[in-house]
Amino acid sequence: MTDADLPRAGGRRLLSMQRLRDAALPLVAERGIDEIRAEDLAEALGISRRTFFRYFPVKEDVVVGAFAEIGVRLASASREMTAGGPFDIDAMKGLLTEATRDGEFYGSGGRARFALILETPALRARFLGLLEDIAERLARSLAAAGAPAARSSLFVRLTLTLLVEATDRWSKDAARPIADQVDALIGETRLAMR
């Protein structure tokens, strides 16, 4: 779920998903996702349990859910691709650039969020499940537009693999922004494909 999905009151979002996720991150980091109950998270965030589950279908989404924004961006960018391609490294770079621009996941606290995801089995499993959902949705979208299904699936999975690698490098190197990591990885991919 993204902020666009939140209920509105008088034209304004009732709550900000980002604010809720940011507020929950230190608590999850301190106590661990396996040791904290959704009720504890809801109380700490100042919302009811019911409201918590309306925004976060599973408690892991309070940390991992920020990555769903990337899936929305990739879906939007992939719709702009023609059905016949080009399914090449430049198209991958375009999708990666769009996915990583100005997003919550790559903003303040993003490195800590990703490190927590990688080191926590339950969060890592939810993250990988979310990636799989994104991959399937994007591949179906491209295939529905007329692209060969196998080619669409391969292209999407390679793009997401590069996204995860760029994110991993970014999370370990505070000196380099995500855009630099994407550029470096695309350069390495071009060399590997010669």
N, C-alpha and C. Protein backbone atom coordinates (compact mmCIF):
# COMPACT_ATOMS: atom_id res chain seq x y z
N MET A 1 0.84 -1.17 0.00
CA MET A 1 0.00 0.00 0.00
C MET A 1 0.89 1.24 0.00
N THR A 2 0.49 2.22 -0.73
CA THR A 2 1.22 3.49 -0.77
C THR A 2 0.35 4.58 -0.16
N ASP A 3 0.93 5.78 0.03
CA ASP A 3 0.15 6.89 0.58
C ASP A 3 -1.09 7.17 -0.24
N ALA A 4 -1.04 6.90 -1.56
CA ALA A 4 -2.20 7.14 -2.42
C ALA A 4 -3.39 6.27 -2.00
N ASP A 5 -3.12 5.14 -1.34
CA ASP A 5 -4.18 4.23 -0.92
C ASP A 5 -4.79 4.60 0.43
N LEU A 6 -4.20 5.56 1.12
CA LEU A 6 -4.67 5.92 2.45
C LEU A 6 -6.01 6.64 2.39
N PRO A 7 -6.84 6.45 3.42
CA PRO A 7 -8.11 7.17 3.47
C PRO A 7 -7.85 8.68 3.54
N ARG A 8 -8.83 9.44 3.05
CA ARG A 8 -8.71 10.89 3.05
C ARG A 8 -9.77 11.50 3.95
N ALA A 9 -9.44 12.63 4.52
CA ALA A 9 -10.40 13.42 5.29
C ALA A 9 -10.23 14.86 4.84
N GLY A 10 -11.26 15.40 4.24
CA GLY A 10 -11.18 16.77 3.78
C GLY A 10 -10.08 16.98 2.75
N GLY A 11 -9.82 15.95 1.91
CA GLY A 11 -8.81 16.08 0.87
C GLY A 11 -7.39 15.82 1.34
N ARG A 12 -7.19 15.53 2.63
CA ARG A 12 -5.84 15.27 3.14
C ARG A 12 -5.72 13.82 3.57
N ARG A 13 -4.52 13.29 3.49
CA ARG A 13 -4.27 11.93 3.97
C ARG A 13 -4.46 11.92 5.49
N LEU A 14 -5.17 10.90 5.99
CA LEU A 14 -5.34 10.80 7.43
C LEU A 14 -4.00 10.54 8.12
N LEU A 15 -3.23 9.69 7.54
CA LEU A 15 -1.92 9.36 8.10
C LEU A 15 -0.94 9.22 6.95
N SER A 16 0.30 9.41 7.22
CA SER A 16 1.33 9.23 6.21
C SER A 16 1.99 7.87 6.44
N MET A 17 1.94 7.04 5.40
CA MET A 17 2.59 5.73 5.50
C MET A 17 4.07 5.91 5.82
N GLN A 18 4.70 6.87 5.19
CA GLN A 18 6.12 7.09 5.43
C GLN A 18 6.37 7.46 6.89
N ARG A 19 5.54 8.33 7.42
CA ARG A 19 5.70 8.74 8.81
C ARG A 19 5.55 7.53 9.73
N LEU A 20 4.58 6.69 9.46
CA LEU A 20 4.37 5.49 10.28
C LEU A 20 5.57 4.54 10.17
N ARG A 21 6.04 4.33 8.94
CA ARG A 21 7.19 3.42 8.76
C ARG A 21 8.44 3.98 9.42
N ASP A 22 8.65 5.28 9.27
CA ASP A 22 9.83 5.90 9.89
C ASP A 22 9.78 5.80 11.41
N ALA A 23 8.59 5.99 11.97
CA ALA A 23 8.45 5.92 13.42
C ALA A 23 8.62 4.49 13.94
N ALA A 24 8.24 3.51 13.15
CA ALA A 24 8.34 2.12 13.58
C ALA A 24 9.75 1.55 13.46
N LEU A 25 10.54 2.09 12.56
CA LEU A 25 11.86 1.50 12.27
C LEU A 25 12.75 1.37 13.52
N PRO A 26 12.91 2.40 14.34
CA PRO A 26 13.77 2.24 15.52
C PRO A 26 13.26 1.17 16.49
N LEU A 27 11.95 1.08 16.64
CA LEU A 27 11.37 0.09 17.53
C LEU A 27 11.63 -1.32 17.02
N VAL A 28 11.45 -1.53 15.72
CA VAL A 28 11.71 -2.84 15.13
C VAL A 28 13.20 -3.17 15.21
N ALA A 29 14.04 -2.18 14.96
CA ALA A 29 15.49 -2.41 15.04
C ALA A 29 15.92 -2.77 16.46
N GLU A 30 15.29 -2.14 17.44
CA GLU A 30 15.65 -2.39 18.84
C GLU A 30 15.16 -3.74 19.33
N ARG A 31 13.90 -4.06 19.05
CA ARG A 31 13.29 -5.27 19.61
C ARG A 31 13.28 -6.45 18.67
N GLY A 32 13.37 -6.20 17.37
CA GLY A 32 13.31 -7.28 16.39
C GLY A 32 11.89 -7.55 15.97
N ILE A 33 11.68 -7.79 14.69
CA ILE A 33 10.34 -8.00 14.16
C ILE A 33 9.69 -9.26 14.73
N ASP A 34 10.49 -10.27 15.05
CA ASP A 34 9.94 -11.51 15.59
C ASP A 34 9.49 -11.36 17.04
N GLU A 35 10.07 -10.41 17.75
CA GLU A 35 9.78 -10.22 19.17
C GLU A 35 8.73 -9.15 19.43
N ILE A 36 8.31 -8.46 18.40
CA ILE A 36 7.35 -7.38 18.58
C ILE A 36 6.01 -7.78 17.97
N ARG A 37 4.94 -7.45 18.69
CA ARG A 37 3.61 -7.78 18.19
C ARG A 37 3.06 -6.58 17.41
N ALA A 38 2.15 -6.87 16.50
CA ALA A 38 1.51 -5.79 15.74
C ALA A 38 0.83 -4.81 16.70
N GLU A 39 0.27 -5.32 17.77
CA GLU A 39 -0.38 -4.45 18.77
C GLU A 39 0.63 -3.47 19.37
N ASP A 40 1.87 -3.95 19.62
CA ASP A 40 2.91 -3.08 20.17
C ASP A 40 3.26 -1.98 19.18
N LEU A 41 3.37 -2.36 17.91
CA LEU A 41 3.67 -1.38 16.87
C LEU A 41 2.55 -0.35 16.75
N ALA A 42 1.32 -0.83 16.74
CA ALA A 42 0.17 0.08 16.62
C ALA A 42 0.15 1.06 17.79
N GLU A 43 0.36 0.55 18.99
CA GLU A 43 0.37 1.43 20.17
C GLU A 43 1.49 2.45 20.07
N ALA A 44 2.67 2.02 19.69
CA ALA A 44 3.81 2.93 19.57
C ALA A 44 3.57 4.00 18.50
N LEU A 45 2.81 3.64 17.48
CA LEU A 45 2.53 4.57 16.38
C LEU A 45 1.31 5.45 16.66
N GLY A 46 0.59 5.13 17.73
CA GLY A 46 -0.57 5.93 18.09
C GLY A 46 -1.79 5.65 17.22
N ILE A 47 -1.89 4.41 16.74
CA ILE A 47 -3.04 4.01 15.93
C ILE A 47 -3.61 2.73 16.51
N SER A 48 -4.81 2.39 16.12
CA SER A 48 -5.42 1.15 16.60
C SER A 48 -4.85 -0.04 15.84
N ARG A 49 -5.03 -1.22 16.42
CA ARG A 49 -4.59 -2.45 15.76
C ARG A 49 -5.28 -2.59 14.40
N ARG A 50 -6.56 -2.28 14.36
CA ARG A 50 -7.33 -2.38 13.12
C ARG A 50 -6.76 -1.44 12.05
N THR A 51 -6.46 -0.22 12.45
CA THR A 51 -5.88 0.75 11.51
C THR A 51 -4.51 0.27 11.05
N PHE A 52 -3.71 -0.26 11.96
CA PHE A 52 -2.39 -0.78 11.60
C PHE A 52 -2.53 -1.82 10.49
N PHE A 53 -3.45 -2.76 10.65
CA PHE A 53 -3.58 -3.83 9.65
C PHE A 53 -4.26 -3.34 8.37
N ARG A 54 -4.97 -2.23 8.43
CA ARG A 54 -5.51 -1.65 7.20
C ARG A 54 -4.37 -1.09 6.36
N TYR A 55 -3.37 -0.53 7.01
CA TYR A 55 -2.22 0.06 6.30
C TYR A 55 -1.14 -0.96 5.99
N PHE A 56 -0.97 -1.93 6.88
CA PHE A 56 0.10 -2.92 6.76
C PHE A 56 -0.51 -4.31 6.91
N PRO A 57 -0.76 -5.01 5.80
CA PRO A 57 -1.41 -6.33 5.86
C PRO A 57 -0.68 -7.33 6.77
N VAL A 58 0.64 -7.24 6.83
CA VAL A 58 1.43 -8.04 7.76
C VAL A 58 2.41 -7.09 8.44
N LYS A 59 2.80 -7.42 9.66
CA LYS A 59 3.62 -6.47 10.43
C LYS A 59 4.96 -6.19 9.76
N GLU A 60 5.49 -7.13 8.98
CA GLU A 60 6.76 -6.91 8.30
C GLU A 60 6.69 -5.74 7.31
N ASP A 61 5.49 -5.45 6.83
CA ASP A 61 5.33 -4.35 5.86
C ASP A 61 5.61 -2.98 6.45
N VAL A 62 5.62 -2.88 7.77
CA VAL A 62 5.95 -1.59 8.37
C VAL A 62 7.41 -1.23 8.07
N VAL A 63 8.23 -2.24 7.76
CA VAL A 63 9.62 -2.01 7.36
C VAL A 63 9.78 -2.19 5.86
N VAL A 64 9.30 -3.29 5.33
CA VAL A 64 9.53 -3.67 3.94
C VAL A 64 8.59 -2.95 2.97
N GLY A 65 7.46 -2.51 3.46
CA GLY A 65 6.44 -1.91 2.60
C GLY A 65 6.91 -0.72 1.79
N ALA A 66 7.94 -0.02 2.27
CA ALA A 66 8.46 1.12 1.51
C ALA A 66 8.96 0.68 0.14
N PHE A 67 9.36 -0.57 0.03
CA PHE A 67 9.87 -1.08 -1.24
C PHE A 67 8.74 -1.23 -2.27
N ALA A 68 7.50 -1.35 -1.81
CA ALA A 68 6.37 -1.47 -2.73
C ALA A 68 6.27 -0.26 -3.65
N GLU A 69 6.68 0.90 -3.14
CA GLU A 69 6.69 2.12 -3.96
C GLU A 69 7.51 1.91 -5.22
N ILE A 70 8.58 1.17 -5.11
CA ILE A 70 9.44 0.89 -6.26
C ILE A 70 8.69 0.07 -7.30
N GLY A 71 7.91 -0.90 -6.84
CA GLY A 71 7.11 -1.69 -7.77
C GLY A 71 6.12 -0.83 -8.54
N VAL A 72 5.52 0.14 -7.87
CA VAL A 72 4.59 1.05 -8.53
C VAL A 72 5.31 1.86 -9.60
N ARG A 73 6.50 2.36 -9.26
CA ARG A 73 7.28 3.14 -10.23
C ARG A 73 7.71 2.29 -11.42
N LEU A 74 8.14 1.07 -11.16
CA LEU A 74 8.55 0.18 -12.25
C LEU A 74 7.37 -0.15 -13.15
N ALA A 75 6.21 -0.38 -12.57
CA ALA A 75 5.03 -0.69 -13.38
C ALA A 75 4.68 0.47 -14.29
N SER A 76 4.74 1.66 -13.74
CA SER A 76 4.43 2.85 -14.53
C SER A 76 5.44 3.03 -15.67
N ALA A 77 6.72 2.90 -15.34
CA ALA A 77 7.77 3.08 -16.35
C ALA A 77 7.71 1.98 -17.41
N SER A 78 7.40 0.76 -17.00
CA SER A 78 7.37 -0.35 -17.96
C SER A 78 6.21 -0.22 -18.93
N ARG A 79 5.11 0.41 -18.50
CA ARG A 79 3.98 0.62 -19.40
C ARG A 79 4.37 1.52 -20.57
N GLU A 80 5.35 2.36 -20.35
CA GLU A 80 5.80 3.28 -21.39
C GLU A 80 6.69 2.59 -22.42
N MET A 81 7.17 1.40 -22.08
CA MET A 81 8.00 0.65 -23.03
C MET A 81 7.11 0.07 -24.12
N THR A 82 7.63 -0.04 -25.29
CA THR A 82 6.84 -0.65 -26.36
C THR A 82 6.83 -2.16 -26.18
N ALA A 83 5.81 -2.80 -26.68
CA ALA A 83 5.68 -4.24 -26.52
C ALA A 83 6.84 -4.99 -27.15
N GLY A 84 7.40 -4.46 -28.22
CA GLY A 84 8.49 -5.14 -28.90
C GLY A 84 9.85 -4.83 -28.32
N GLY A 85 9.91 -4.07 -27.28
CA GLY A 85 11.19 -3.72 -26.68
C GLY A 85 11.45 -2.26 -26.84
N PRO A 86 12.62 -1.80 -26.81
CA PRO A 86 13.81 -2.66 -26.73
C PRO A 86 14.01 -3.18 -25.32
N PHE A 87 14.28 -4.47 -25.22
CA PHE A 87 14.62 -5.07 -23.95
C PHE A 87 16.13 -5.15 -23.90
N ASP A 88 16.76 -4.03 -23.59
CA ASP A 88 18.22 -3.97 -23.59
C ASP A 88 18.71 -3.27 -22.33
N ILE A 89 20.00 -3.11 -22.24
CA ILE A 89 20.61 -2.53 -21.05
C ILE A 89 20.17 -1.08 -20.83
N ASP A 90 19.92 -0.35 -21.91
CA ASP A 90 19.45 1.03 -21.76
C ASP A 90 18.04 1.06 -21.17
N ALA A 91 17.21 0.11 -21.57
CA ALA A 91 15.86 0.02 -21.00
C ALA A 91 15.94 -0.34 -19.52
N MET A 92 16.86 -1.25 -19.18
CA MET A 92 17.06 -1.60 -17.77
C MET A 92 17.49 -0.38 -16.97
N LYS A 93 18.45 0.37 -17.52
CA LYS A 93 18.92 1.56 -16.82
C LYS A 93 17.78 2.55 -16.61
N GLY A 94 16.94 2.72 -17.61
CA GLY A 94 15.79 3.61 -17.48
C GLY A 94 14.86 3.18 -16.36
N LEU A 95 14.58 1.89 -16.29
CA LEU A 95 13.71 1.38 -15.23
C LEU A 95 14.37 1.53 -13.86
N LEU A 96 15.66 1.23 -13.78
CA LEU A 96 16.36 1.35 -12.50
C LEU A 96 16.43 2.80 -12.03
N THR A 97 16.66 3.70 -12.96
CA THR A 97 16.71 5.12 -12.62
C THR A 97 15.37 5.59 -12.10
N GLU A 98 14.32 5.19 -12.78
CA GLU A 98 12.97 5.57 -12.34
C GLU A 98 12.64 4.97 -10.98
N ALA A 99 13.02 3.72 -10.78
CA ALA A 99 12.70 3.03 -9.53
C ALA A 99 13.40 3.66 -8.33
N THR A 100 14.57 4.22 -8.53
CA THR A 100 15.37 4.70 -7.40
C THR A 100 15.34 6.21 -7.20
N ARG A 101 14.62 6.92 -8.02
CA ARG A 101 14.62 8.38 -7.88
C ARG A 101 13.75 8.82 -6.70
N ASP A 102 14.30 9.67 -5.88
CA ASP A 102 13.56 10.37 -4.83
C ASP A 102 12.56 9.54 -4.05
N GLY A 103 12.79 8.28 -3.88
CA GLY A 103 11.81 7.46 -3.18
C GLY A 103 12.10 7.36 -1.70
N GLU A 104 11.07 7.00 -0.95
CA GLU A 104 11.21 6.82 0.49
C GLU A 104 12.26 5.77 0.81
N PHE A 105 12.27 4.68 0.04
CA PHE A 105 13.18 3.58 0.35
C PHE A 105 14.64 4.03 0.30
N TYR A 106 14.95 4.97 -0.59
CA TYR A 106 16.33 5.42 -0.75
C TYR A 106 16.58 6.75 -0.05
N GLY A 107 15.66 7.19 0.75
CA GLY A 107 15.81 8.45 1.47
C GLY A 107 16.47 8.25 2.82
N SER A 108 16.21 9.20 3.69
CA SER A 108 16.75 9.18 5.04
C SER A 108 16.34 7.89 5.74
N GLY A 109 17.29 7.21 6.32
CA GLY A 109 17.00 5.96 7.01
C GLY A 109 16.94 4.75 6.11
N GLY A 110 17.08 4.95 4.82
CA GLY A 110 16.97 3.83 3.88
C GLY A 110 18.06 2.79 4.04
N ARG A 111 19.27 3.24 4.30
CA ARG A 111 20.36 2.28 4.47
C ARG A 111 20.12 1.40 5.69
N ALA A 112 19.69 2.02 6.78
CA ALA A 112 19.40 1.25 7.99
C ALA A 112 18.24 0.30 7.75
N ARG A 113 17.24 0.76 7.00
CA ARG A 113 16.08 -0.08 6.68
C ARG A 113 16.52 -1.31 5.88
N PHE A 114 17.35 -1.10 4.86
CA PHE A 114 17.78 -2.22 4.02
C PHE A 114 18.67 -3.17 4.81
N ALA A 115 19.57 -2.64 5.64
CA ALA A 115 20.43 -3.50 6.47
C ALA A 115 19.57 -4.36 7.39
N LEU A 116 18.54 -3.77 7.98
CA LEU A 116 17.64 -4.51 8.86
C LEU A 116 16.91 -5.61 8.08
N ILE A 117 16.49 -5.30 6.86
CA ILE A 117 15.82 -6.30 6.02
C ILE A 117 16.76 -7.47 5.75
N LEU A 118 18.00 -7.17 5.39
CA LEU A 118 18.95 -8.24 5.05
C LEU A 118 19.32 -9.11 6.24
N GLU A 119 19.38 -8.52 7.42
CA GLU A 119 19.85 -9.28 8.59
C GLU A 119 18.72 -9.99 9.35
N THR A 120 17.48 -9.74 8.99
CA THR A 120 16.34 -10.33 9.69
C THR A 120 15.62 -11.31 8.77
N PRO A 121 15.65 -12.60 9.08
CA PRO A 121 15.05 -13.60 8.19
C PRO A 121 13.60 -13.31 7.79
N ALA A 122 12.77 -12.91 8.73
CA ALA A 122 11.35 -12.66 8.41
C ALA A 122 11.21 -11.46 7.47
N LEU A 123 12.00 -10.42 7.68
CA LEU A 123 11.95 -9.25 6.80
C LEU A 123 12.53 -9.58 5.42
N ARG A 124 13.61 -10.34 5.41
CA ARG A 124 14.22 -10.74 4.14
C ARG A 124 13.23 -11.59 3.33
N ALA A 125 12.54 -12.51 4.00
CA ALA A 125 11.56 -13.35 3.31
C ALA A 125 10.43 -12.50 2.73
N ARG A 126 9.96 -11.53 3.50
CA ARG A 126 8.88 -10.65 3.00
C ARG A 126 9.38 -9.82 1.82
N PHE A 127 10.63 -9.33 1.92
CA PHE A 127 11.23 -8.55 0.85
C PHE A 127 11.33 -9.38 -0.43
N LEU A 128 11.81 -10.61 -0.32
CA LEU A 128 11.94 -11.48 -1.49
C LEU A 128 10.56 -11.83 -2.07
N GLY A 129 9.58 -12.01 -1.21
CA GLY A 129 8.22 -12.25 -1.69
C GLY A 129 7.67 -11.04 -2.43
N LEU A 130 7.95 -9.87 -1.92
CA LEU A 130 7.53 -8.64 -2.59
C LEU A 130 8.20 -8.49 -3.94
N LEU A 131 9.50 -8.81 -4.01
CA LEU A 131 10.21 -8.78 -5.29
C LEU A 131 9.58 -9.74 -6.29
N GLU A 132 9.23 -10.92 -5.82
CA GLU A 132 8.61 -11.92 -6.70
C GLU A 132 7.26 -11.40 -7.21
N ASP A 133 6.48 -10.79 -6.33
CA ASP A 133 5.19 -10.22 -6.75
C ASP A 133 5.40 -9.13 -7.80
N ILE A 134 6.38 -8.27 -7.58
CA ILE A 134 6.68 -7.19 -8.53
C ILE A 134 7.09 -7.80 -9.88
N ALA A 135 7.96 -8.81 -9.83
CA ALA A 135 8.44 -9.44 -11.06
C ALA A 135 7.28 -10.04 -11.86
N GLU A 136 6.42 -10.76 -11.19
CA GLU A 136 5.30 -11.39 -11.88
C GLU A 136 4.35 -10.35 -12.46
N ARG A 137 4.07 -9.31 -11.70
CA ARG A 137 3.15 -8.26 -12.17
C ARG A 137 3.72 -7.54 -13.38
N LEU A 138 5.01 -7.20 -13.33
CA LEU A 138 5.63 -6.49 -14.46
C LEU A 138 5.72 -7.38 -15.70
N ALA A 139 6.10 -8.62 -15.52
CA ALA A 139 6.20 -9.54 -16.66
C ALA A 139 4.83 -9.74 -17.30
N ARG A 140 3.79 -9.89 -16.49
CA ARG A 140 2.43 -10.03 -17.04
C ARG A 140 2.01 -8.78 -17.79
N SER A 141 2.36 -7.63 -17.25
CA SER A 141 2.01 -6.36 -17.89
C SER A 141 2.66 -6.23 -19.26
N LEU A 142 3.95 -6.56 -19.33
CA LEU A 142 4.65 -6.49 -20.61
C LEU A 142 4.12 -7.53 -21.59
N ALA A 143 3.84 -8.73 -21.09
CA ALA A 143 3.31 -9.79 -21.95
C ALA A 143 1.92 -9.41 -22.47
N ALA A 144 1.11 -8.79 -21.61
CA ALA A 144 -0.24 -8.36 -22.03
C ALA A 144 -0.16 -7.29 -23.11
N ALA A 145 0.93 -6.53 -23.12
CA ALA A 145 1.11 -5.50 -24.14
C ALA A 145 1.65 -6.08 -25.44
N GLY A 146 1.88 -7.40 -25.47
CA GLY A 146 2.30 -8.04 -26.70
C GLY A 146 3.73 -8.55 -26.73
N ALA A 147 4.48 -8.31 -25.68
CA ALA A 147 5.85 -8.80 -25.62
C ALA A 147 5.83 -10.31 -25.33
N PRO A 148 6.77 -11.06 -25.89
CA PRO A 148 6.82 -12.49 -25.60
C PRO A 148 6.97 -12.73 -24.09
N ALA A 149 6.18 -13.64 -23.56
CA ALA A 149 6.14 -13.87 -22.11
C ALA A 149 7.51 -14.25 -21.54
N ALA A 150 8.21 -15.17 -22.18
CA ALA A 150 9.52 -15.59 -21.66
C ALA A 150 10.51 -14.44 -21.67
N ARG A 151 10.48 -13.66 -22.72
CA ARG A 151 11.40 -12.51 -22.83
C ARG A 151 11.07 -11.45 -21.77
N SER A 152 9.79 -11.20 -21.56
CA SER A 152 9.35 -10.24 -20.55
C SER A 152 9.80 -10.67 -19.16
N SER A 153 9.60 -11.93 -18.85
CA SER A 153 9.97 -12.46 -17.54
C SER A 153 11.48 -12.35 -17.31
N LEU A 154 12.26 -12.74 -18.30
CA LEU A 154 13.72 -12.67 -18.17
C LEU A 154 14.18 -11.22 -17.99
N PHE A 155 13.67 -10.33 -18.79
CA PHE A 155 14.03 -8.92 -18.70
C PHE A 155 13.72 -8.34 -17.31
N VAL A 156 12.53 -8.62 -16.82
CA VAL A 156 12.11 -8.10 -15.52
C VAL A 156 12.98 -8.67 -14.41
N ARG A 157 13.23 -9.97 -14.45
CA ARG A 157 14.03 -10.60 -13.39
C ARG A 157 15.48 -10.10 -13.40
N LEU A 158 16.05 -9.90 -14.58
CA LEU A 158 17.40 -9.33 -14.65
C LEU A 158 17.42 -7.90 -14.10
N THR A 159 16.41 -7.13 -14.44
CA THR A 159 16.33 -5.75 -13.95
C THR A 159 16.22 -5.73 -12.43
N LEU A 160 15.38 -6.58 -11.87
CA LEU A 160 15.23 -6.62 -10.41
C LEU A 160 16.49 -7.13 -9.72
N THR A 161 17.19 -8.07 -10.36
CA THR A 161 18.46 -8.54 -9.80
C THR A 161 19.46 -7.38 -9.72
N LEU A 162 19.52 -6.58 -10.79
CA LEU A 162 20.40 -5.41 -10.77
C LEU A 162 19.95 -4.41 -9.72
N LEU A 163 18.66 -4.24 -9.54
CA LEU A 163 18.14 -3.32 -8.52
C LEU A 163 18.57 -3.75 -7.12
N VAL A 164 18.44 -5.03 -6.82
CA VAL A 164 18.83 -5.53 -5.51
C VAL A 164 20.33 -5.38 -5.31
N GLU A 165 21.13 -5.67 -6.33
CA GLU A 165 22.58 -5.52 -6.22
C GLU A 165 22.97 -4.06 -6.01
N ALA A 166 22.37 -3.16 -6.76
CA ALA A 166 22.66 -1.73 -6.59
C ALA A 166 22.26 -1.27 -5.19
N THR A 167 21.12 -1.74 -4.71
CA THR A 167 20.65 -1.37 -3.37
C THR A 167 21.58 -1.92 -2.30
N ASP A 168 22.04 -3.14 -2.48
CA ASP A 168 22.98 -3.73 -1.52
C ASP A 168 24.28 -2.92 -1.47
N ARG A 169 24.81 -2.58 -2.62
CA ARG A 169 26.04 -1.77 -2.66
C ARG A 169 25.81 -0.41 -2.02
N TRP A 170 24.68 0.20 -2.32
CA TRP A 170 24.33 1.51 -1.76
C TRP A 170 24.23 1.45 -0.25
N SER A 171 23.64 0.37 0.27
CA SER A 171 23.45 0.26 1.72
C SER A 171 24.77 0.13 2.46
N LYS A 172 25.81 -0.31 1.77
CA LYS A 172 27.12 -0.52 2.40
C LYS A 172 28.09 0.62 2.14
N ASP A 173 27.72 1.56 1.27
CA ASP A 173 28.63 2.65 0.89
C ASP A 173 27.92 3.99 1.02
N ALA A 174 28.03 4.58 2.19
CA ALA A 174 27.32 5.83 2.49
C ALA A 174 27.80 7.00 1.63
N ALA A 175 28.97 6.87 1.04
CA ALA A 175 29.53 7.97 0.25
C ALA A 175 28.92 8.07 -1.15
N ARG A 176 28.32 6.99 -1.63
CA ARG A 176 27.81 6.98 -3.01
C ARG A 176 26.29 6.90 -3.03
N PRO A 177 25.65 7.86 -3.66
CA PRO A 177 24.18 7.80 -3.77
C PRO A 177 23.75 6.64 -4.66
N ILE A 178 22.49 6.28 -4.55
CA ILE A 178 21.96 5.15 -5.30
C ILE A 178 22.11 5.36 -6.80
N ALA A 179 21.96 6.57 -7.29
CA ALA A 179 22.10 6.82 -8.74
C ALA A 179 23.50 6.46 -9.21
N ASP A 180 24.51 6.75 -8.40
CA ASP A 180 25.89 6.38 -8.76
C ASP A 180 26.06 4.86 -8.76
N GLN A 181 25.43 4.20 -7.82
CA GLN A 181 25.51 2.74 -7.77
C GLN A 181 24.86 2.12 -9.00
N VAL A 182 23.72 2.67 -9.41
CA VAL A 182 23.04 2.17 -10.61
C VAL A 182 23.93 2.37 -11.83
N ASP A 183 24.50 3.58 -11.99
CA ASP A 183 25.38 3.85 -13.13
C ASP A 183 26.57 2.90 -13.16
N ALA A 184 27.21 2.68 -12.01
CA ALA A 184 28.37 1.79 -11.95
C ALA A 184 27.98 0.36 -12.32
N LEU A 185 26.85 -0.09 -11.80
CA LEU A 185 26.42 -1.45 -12.07
C LEU A 185 26.01 -1.64 -13.54
N ILE A 186 25.39 -0.64 -14.13
CA ILE A 186 25.05 -0.71 -15.55
C ILE A 186 26.34 -0.78 -16.38
N GLY A 187 27.34 0.00 -15.99
CA GLY A 187 28.64 -0.05 -16.69
C GLY A 187 29.26 -1.44 -16.60
N GLU A 188 29.22 -2.04 -15.42
CA GLU A 188 29.76 -3.39 -15.24
C GLU A 188 28.96 -4.41 -16.06
N THR A 189 27.66 -4.22 -16.12
CA THR A 189 26.81 -5.14 -16.88
C THR A 189 27.11 -5.04 -18.38
N ARG A 190 27.31 -3.81 -18.85
CA ARG A 190 27.67 -3.63 -20.27
C ARG A 190 28.96 -4.38 -20.59
N LEU A 191 29.96 -4.25 -19.71
CA LEU A 191 31.25 -4.94 -19.93
C LEU A 191 31.05 -6.46 -19.91
N ALA A 192 30.24 -6.93 -18.99
CA ALA A 192 30.03 -8.39 -18.88
C ALA A 192 29.30 -8.96 -20.08
N MET A 193 28.51 -8.12 -20.75
CA MET A 193 27.70 -8.63 -21.88
C MET A 193 28.42 -8.53 -23.22
N ARG A 194 29.66 -8.07 -23.24
CA ARG A 194 30.40 -7.95 -24.51
C ARG A 194 30.92 -9.28 -24.94
